[in-house]
Amino acid sequence: MATKRENIYRVLAVLVSLFVGLLIAEVGLRMMNRLIRVSGWRGESLVSKNENNQLRYRGQNIEYTDSDFVIILLGDSQVQANACAYEWMPERRLQYYLNSRGKRVKVFSIGASGYGQDQQLLALREYYQKFRADLIILWETPANDVANNLFPTHFHAEGIADGMYKPTFWLEDGNLRGPSEEIGQRLRETPRIKLIALWRKAFGWSRDSEWEKTYPPAYKPMTEFEGPVKEDWQQWWNNDEKGFRGENLSNEKAHVPICLTPRSERMRYGLDLTRKLLQEIERLASSHNGKLVTFTTTPDVGSSLGCHANAVVRVLNGKYYRTSERQYNDNLNYINEEVDFYLIPITIEQHRVGPEDGHLNEHAVDQVMKDLAARIETLIPAH
């Protein structure tokens, strides 16, 4: 009898010790404020804080007079333009060319690498809390905008694990819902108990995987194909070129799915989501007596990955993908169907930052902003 009682005491002692140990660990994690995950990011300069505006985006200070026509250049890494000298950023060149045409314009940037229309919308809402804008110009990057809007994390280097967490919207019965959180807020899925967060970190919890459960099916490649195929994707994968190993085609968290044909149910959902976000940005601008226009360049980032070509079949790791420039154009026109959209051709042959970097270099930025200024001149009253 005594032995049985002793065994019970030992088990209770172990359980109490375990509980106390876990409690101490939980208190310690809370005191250190560890495992706090924040959603979203800013587009601050990599060079100097003096290159940032008041909202912590790379660009000139947001300062204007009552007589200035105020333009917001909204976008992603093309707007942040880390490859351009501060004085040659897109905002500065657009401002220069418009003022050279007799206007009185100030152009300010809201843009960060990896931004989709979701974080662009949230950043613009924040801007309007303190400032005004007469015209919003949204620089689209169609090759990654849809994936950036669709997934609750940023791209990862290898396209497998989640990247940085980000605010994300979603559709319910065709209506826009969200965001999951604001830029800089704690992640919605943050557990109350820190030890659960530690467990997730140790065993690779994936926010993407959780959200994917609610998404329609992704593109299904062919497992067999009789006919000519292009092997450029396979070569880039084998040689680790063009960042192609970061193209996660299995879930469409990549740059090339916008060219896959026929479009998948997931792509259609992503296009609908992107379209709704653009409409919400337009509604926001209109409610503040402003106007929205969108534009993109041709060629764009997707062209370097073989997106823009007549319908062809490409092979990658034993699977076959049909791509089409027509599908790309149909998708692009669909998301911009209800907004004023411009296509600005790049006329400079050497327009990329480098072979592995599809961002525009300073010369291409200057040309695109000059041509964009000519296209939007009639939207701006004369000085």
Foldseek 3Di string as FASTA:
>chain_A
DVVVVVVVVVVVVVVVVVVVVLVVVQVVCVVVVPLWAFAADFQAAPPDNCQAEPLRHGHHHPDDDPQAAEEEEFEECLQSVNQADSCLGLQNLLCVLLVVVQHRYHYTYGYYHLDALVLSLLSVVVVVVPDAHAEYEYEDQQLQNLLSAQFQAGFDLQQPAGHGGHFYWADDPLDIDDTQDHHGDTGNPDDPGVVVSVVCVVVRDGRRVVSCVPAAAADDFALDDPDDADAPLAVCVVVVALSSSSQPRRSRNGRQLLFFPPRDSRSVRSLSSLLNSVVVSQVVQVVSNHGYEYEYEPPHSVVLVVQEDDWHWYDHPSTITTGHNVSNVVSVCSSCVPGHYDYFYQPDPPQAPDRNGRHGHSVSSSVRSNVVSVVCSVVGDRD
